[in-house]
Amino acid sequence: QGDFGNKTTKIFTPQGRDWDLQWSFDCASLGDNGNFSAKVMRRDGDALENAAVEKISDHDSGTEHYHQEGTFFLQVVSECQWTVKVTG
């Protein structure tokens, strides 16, 4: 999923215990650094402990690895263009 600004994603359930969150953001339209935060939330609204990406830069990307079963959604906060993808 990709977008600008703040967004709550659709609920997802990884196939197993091991899954990845691929993320990227680009603040070129701002002409300056921006913030990007992607927090993994449990279906009940509680945050998954130690499961947040928080960056301040003009652009960045990466992959976070998780070892947690369940049903989740992401809370993304950014003024930049961003993409997130869950695999696994």
N, C-alpha and C. Protein backbone atom coordinates (compact mmCIF):
# COMPACT_ATOMS: atom_id res chain seq x y z
N GLN A 1 0.86 -1.17 0.00
CA GLN A 1 0.00 0.00 0.00
C GLN A 1 0.90 1.23 0.00
N GLY A 2 0.48 2.24 -0.72
CA GLY A 2 1.24 3.48 -0.77
C GLY A 2 0.32 4.67 -0.66
N ASP A 3 0.84 5.76 -0.11
CA ASP A 3 -0.01 6.91 0.10
C ASP A 3 0.83 8.10 0.54
N PHE A 4 0.15 9.23 0.77
CA PHE A 4 0.72 10.39 1.42
C PHE A 4 0.02 10.54 2.76
N GLY A 5 0.70 11.10 3.73
CA GLY A 5 0.06 11.48 4.98
C GLY A 5 -0.23 10.34 5.92
N ASN A 6 -1.12 10.60 6.87
CA ASN A 6 -1.42 9.65 7.94
C ASN A 6 -2.51 8.68 7.48
N LYS A 7 -2.33 7.41 7.85
CA LYS A 7 -3.31 6.42 7.42
C LYS A 7 -3.24 5.20 8.32
N THR A 8 -4.38 4.56 8.51
CA THR A 8 -4.47 3.26 9.16
C THR A 8 -4.74 2.25 8.05
N THR A 9 -3.92 1.21 7.97
CA THR A 9 -4.07 0.23 6.89
C THR A 9 -5.20 -0.75 7.20
N LYS A 10 -5.48 -1.56 6.21
CA LYS A 10 -6.42 -2.66 6.40
C LYS A 10 -5.81 -3.68 7.36
N ILE A 11 -6.67 -4.46 7.98
CA ILE A 11 -6.22 -5.53 8.87
C ILE A 11 -5.59 -6.65 8.04
N PHE A 12 -4.50 -7.23 8.54
CA PHE A 12 -3.85 -8.34 7.85
C PHE A 12 -3.47 -9.42 8.86
N THR A 13 -3.39 -10.66 8.37
CA THR A 13 -2.98 -11.80 9.18
C THR A 13 -1.87 -12.53 8.44
N PRO A 14 -0.61 -12.42 8.90
CA PRO A 14 0.47 -13.15 8.25
C PRO A 14 0.22 -14.66 8.31
N GLN A 15 0.78 -15.37 7.34
CA GLN A 15 0.57 -16.81 7.24
C GLN A 15 1.22 -17.60 8.37
N GLY A 16 2.25 -17.06 8.95
CA GLY A 16 2.95 -17.78 10.02
C GLY A 16 3.53 -16.82 11.03
N ARG A 17 4.43 -17.36 11.84
CA ARG A 17 5.08 -16.57 12.88
C ARG A 17 6.08 -15.56 12.33
N ASP A 18 6.72 -15.90 11.23
CA ASP A 18 7.79 -15.07 10.67
C ASP A 18 7.26 -14.29 9.47
N TRP A 19 7.32 -12.97 9.57
CA TRP A 19 6.88 -12.12 8.48
C TRP A 19 7.68 -10.84 8.46
N ASP A 20 7.62 -10.15 7.32
CA ASP A 20 8.41 -8.94 7.10
C ASP A 20 7.52 -7.75 6.76
N LEU A 21 7.98 -6.60 7.18
CA LEU A 21 7.37 -5.33 6.79
C LEU A 21 8.40 -4.56 5.97
N GLN A 22 8.11 -4.40 4.68
CA GLN A 22 8.97 -3.60 3.81
C GLN A 22 8.38 -2.20 3.78
N TRP A 23 9.22 -1.19 3.96
CA TRP A 23 8.74 0.19 4.02
C TRP A 23 9.68 1.11 3.26
N SER A 24 9.13 2.20 2.78
CA SER A 24 9.96 3.24 2.16
C SER A 24 9.19 4.55 2.23
N PHE A 25 9.94 5.64 2.19
CA PHE A 25 9.31 6.96 2.11
C PHE A 25 10.23 7.91 1.37
N ASP A 26 9.61 8.93 0.77
CA ASP A 26 10.35 9.92 -0.03
C ASP A 26 9.68 11.28 0.18
N CYS A 27 10.47 12.22 0.65
CA CYS A 27 9.96 13.57 0.95
C CYS A 27 10.36 14.59 -0.10
N ALA A 28 10.65 14.13 -1.32
CA ALA A 28 11.11 15.05 -2.37
C ALA A 28 10.12 16.18 -2.59
N SER A 29 8.84 15.91 -2.47
CA SER A 29 7.83 16.96 -2.70
C SER A 29 7.89 18.05 -1.64
N LEU A 30 8.48 17.76 -0.48
CA LEU A 30 8.64 18.76 0.57
C LEU A 30 9.86 19.64 0.35
N GLY A 31 10.86 19.07 -0.35
CA GLY A 31 12.12 19.77 -0.52
C GLY A 31 12.92 19.83 0.76
N ASP A 32 12.63 18.95 1.71
CA ASP A 32 13.28 18.95 3.01
C ASP A 32 13.07 17.59 3.67
N ASN A 33 13.66 17.42 4.84
CA ASN A 33 13.43 16.20 5.61
C ASN A 33 11.98 16.14 6.09
N GLY A 34 11.51 14.93 6.29
CA GLY A 34 10.18 14.73 6.84
C GLY A 34 10.21 13.55 7.80
N ASN A 35 9.08 13.31 8.43
CA ASN A 35 9.04 12.18 9.36
C ASN A 35 8.28 11.03 8.73
N PHE A 36 8.60 9.83 9.19
CA PHE A 36 7.90 8.62 8.79
C PHE A 36 7.83 7.72 10.01
N SER A 37 6.62 7.29 10.34
CA SER A 37 6.41 6.37 11.44
C SER A 37 5.42 5.31 11.00
N ALA A 38 5.78 4.05 11.18
CA ALA A 38 4.87 2.94 10.89
C ALA A 38 4.85 2.06 12.13
N LYS A 39 3.71 2.01 12.79
CA LYS A 39 3.57 1.26 14.03
C LYS A 39 2.69 0.04 13.78
N VAL A 40 3.18 -1.15 14.19
CA VAL A 40 2.39 -2.37 14.07
C VAL A 40 1.45 -2.45 15.27
N MET A 41 0.16 -2.56 14.97
CA MET A 41 -0.87 -2.60 16.00
C MET A 41 -1.60 -3.94 15.95
N ARG A 42 -1.93 -4.47 17.12
CA ARG A 42 -2.76 -5.67 17.17
C ARG A 42 -4.19 -5.30 16.80
N ARG A 43 -4.93 -6.30 16.38
CA ARG A 43 -6.32 -6.06 15.96
C ARG A 43 -7.13 -5.33 17.03
N ASP A 44 -6.84 -5.59 18.33
CA ASP A 44 -7.59 -4.96 19.42
C ASP A 44 -7.15 -3.52 19.69
N GLY A 45 -6.15 -3.03 18.93
CA GLY A 45 -5.71 -1.64 19.07
C GLY A 45 -4.49 -1.43 19.93
N ASP A 46 -3.99 -2.51 20.55
CA ASP A 46 -2.75 -2.40 21.34
C ASP A 46 -1.55 -2.45 20.40
N ALA A 47 -0.54 -1.66 20.70
CA ALA A 47 0.68 -1.66 19.89
C ALA A 47 1.47 -2.93 20.15
N LEU A 48 2.04 -3.51 19.10
CA LEU A 48 2.95 -4.64 19.23
C LEU A 48 4.26 -4.08 19.78
N GLU A 49 4.74 -4.61 20.87
CA GLU A 49 5.91 -4.06 21.55
C GLU A 49 7.14 -4.08 20.65
N ASN A 50 7.88 -2.99 20.66
CA ASN A 50 9.11 -2.83 19.86
C ASN A 50 8.86 -3.07 18.38
N ALA A 51 7.72 -2.61 17.88
CA ALA A 51 7.37 -2.86 16.49
C ALA A 51 6.99 -1.56 15.78
N ALA A 52 7.92 -0.62 15.80
CA ALA A 52 7.66 0.65 15.11
C ALA A 52 8.90 1.06 14.34
N VAL A 53 8.68 1.61 13.16
CA VAL A 53 9.74 2.24 12.38
C VAL A 53 9.54 3.74 12.55
N GLU A 54 10.58 4.43 12.99
CA GLU A 54 10.49 5.88 13.15
C GLU A 54 11.75 6.52 12.58
N LYS A 55 11.56 7.32 11.54
CA LYS A 55 12.69 7.92 10.83
C LYS A 55 12.41 9.39 10.55
N ILE A 56 13.47 10.18 10.52
CA ILE A 56 13.41 11.55 10.03
C ILE A 56 14.53 11.68 9.00
N SER A 57 14.14 11.94 7.75
CA SER A 57 15.11 12.00 6.65
C SER A 57 14.40 12.55 5.42
N ASP A 58 15.15 12.73 4.32
CA ASP A 58 14.50 13.12 3.08
C ASP A 58 13.96 11.89 2.34
N HIS A 59 14.56 10.72 2.60
CA HIS A 59 14.06 9.44 2.08
C HIS A 59 14.78 8.30 2.78
N ASP A 60 14.16 7.15 2.80
CA ASP A 60 14.77 5.97 3.41
C ASP A 60 13.91 4.76 3.07
N SER A 61 14.44 3.58 3.30
CA SER A 61 13.69 2.35 3.09
C SER A 61 14.33 1.24 3.90
N GLY A 62 13.58 0.18 4.10
CA GLY A 62 14.14 -0.94 4.84
C GLY A 62 13.13 -2.07 4.99
N THR A 63 13.56 -3.10 5.70
CA THR A 63 12.71 -4.26 5.98
C THR A 63 12.85 -4.61 7.45
N GLU A 64 11.74 -4.74 8.12
CA GLU A 64 11.70 -5.15 9.53
C GLU A 64 11.21 -6.60 9.57
N HIS A 65 11.82 -7.39 10.43
CA HIS A 65 11.47 -8.81 10.56
C HIS A 65 10.74 -9.03 11.88
N TYR A 66 9.61 -9.71 11.81
CA TYR A 66 8.80 -9.97 13.00
C TYR A 66 8.60 -11.47 13.18
N HIS A 67 8.46 -11.87 14.42
CA HIS A 67 8.27 -13.28 14.78
C HIS A 67 7.10 -13.35 15.75
N GLN A 68 5.93 -13.00 15.24
CA GLN A 68 4.75 -12.89 16.09
C GLN A 68 3.52 -13.28 15.27
N GLU A 69 2.76 -14.24 15.75
CA GLU A 69 1.51 -14.60 15.09
C GLU A 69 0.42 -13.65 15.53
N GLY A 70 -0.59 -13.52 14.69
CA GLY A 70 -1.74 -12.72 15.07
C GLY A 70 -2.34 -11.99 13.90
N THR A 71 -3.23 -11.07 14.22
CA THR A 71 -3.89 -10.22 13.23
C THR A 71 -3.55 -8.78 13.60
N PHE A 72 -3.10 -8.02 12.60
CA PHE A 72 -2.53 -6.71 12.85
C PHE A 72 -3.05 -5.69 11.85
N PHE A 73 -2.71 -4.42 12.11
CA PHE A 73 -2.83 -3.35 11.13
C PHE A 73 -1.69 -2.39 11.41
N LEU A 74 -1.43 -1.47 10.49
CA LEU A 74 -0.36 -0.48 10.64
C LEU A 74 -0.96 0.91 10.80
N GLN A 75 -0.36 1.69 11.67
CA GLN A 75 -0.67 3.12 11.76
C GLN A 75 0.53 3.85 11.19
N VAL A 76 0.33 4.51 10.06
CA VAL A 76 1.40 5.24 9.40
C VAL A 76 1.17 6.73 9.58
N VAL A 77 2.23 7.43 9.99
CA VAL A 77 2.18 8.88 10.16
C VAL A 77 3.36 9.46 9.37
N SER A 78 3.05 10.27 8.37
CA SER A 78 4.11 10.89 7.57
C SER A 78 3.51 11.97 6.68
N GLU A 79 4.24 13.04 6.46
CA GLU A 79 3.82 14.05 5.50
C GLU A 79 4.41 13.76 4.12
N CYS A 80 5.16 12.68 4.02
CA CYS A 80 5.86 12.31 2.79
C CYS A 80 5.09 11.22 2.04
N GLN A 81 5.53 10.93 0.82
CA GLN A 81 4.99 9.80 0.08
C GLN A 81 5.62 8.54 0.65
N TRP A 82 4.82 7.49 0.85
CA TRP A 82 5.35 6.28 1.47
C TRP A 82 4.70 5.03 0.90
N THR A 83 5.36 3.90 1.10
CA THR A 83 4.80 2.59 0.76
C THR A 83 5.10 1.63 1.91
N VAL A 84 4.19 0.71 2.13
CA VAL A 84 4.41 -0.39 3.07
C VAL A 84 3.90 -1.66 2.44
N LYS A 85 4.59 -2.77 2.72
CA LYS A 85 4.17 -4.07 2.19
C LYS A 85 4.53 -5.14 3.22
N VAL A 86 3.57 -5.98 3.54
CA VAL A 86 3.79 -7.09 4.45
C VAL A 86 3.90 -8.36 3.63
N THR A 87 4.94 -9.14 3.91
CA THR A 87 5.13 -10.43 3.22
C THR A 87 5.35 -11.51 4.27
N GLY A 88 4.84 -12.70 3.94
CA GLY A 88 5.03 -13.83 4.85
C GLY A 88 3.73 -14.31 5.42
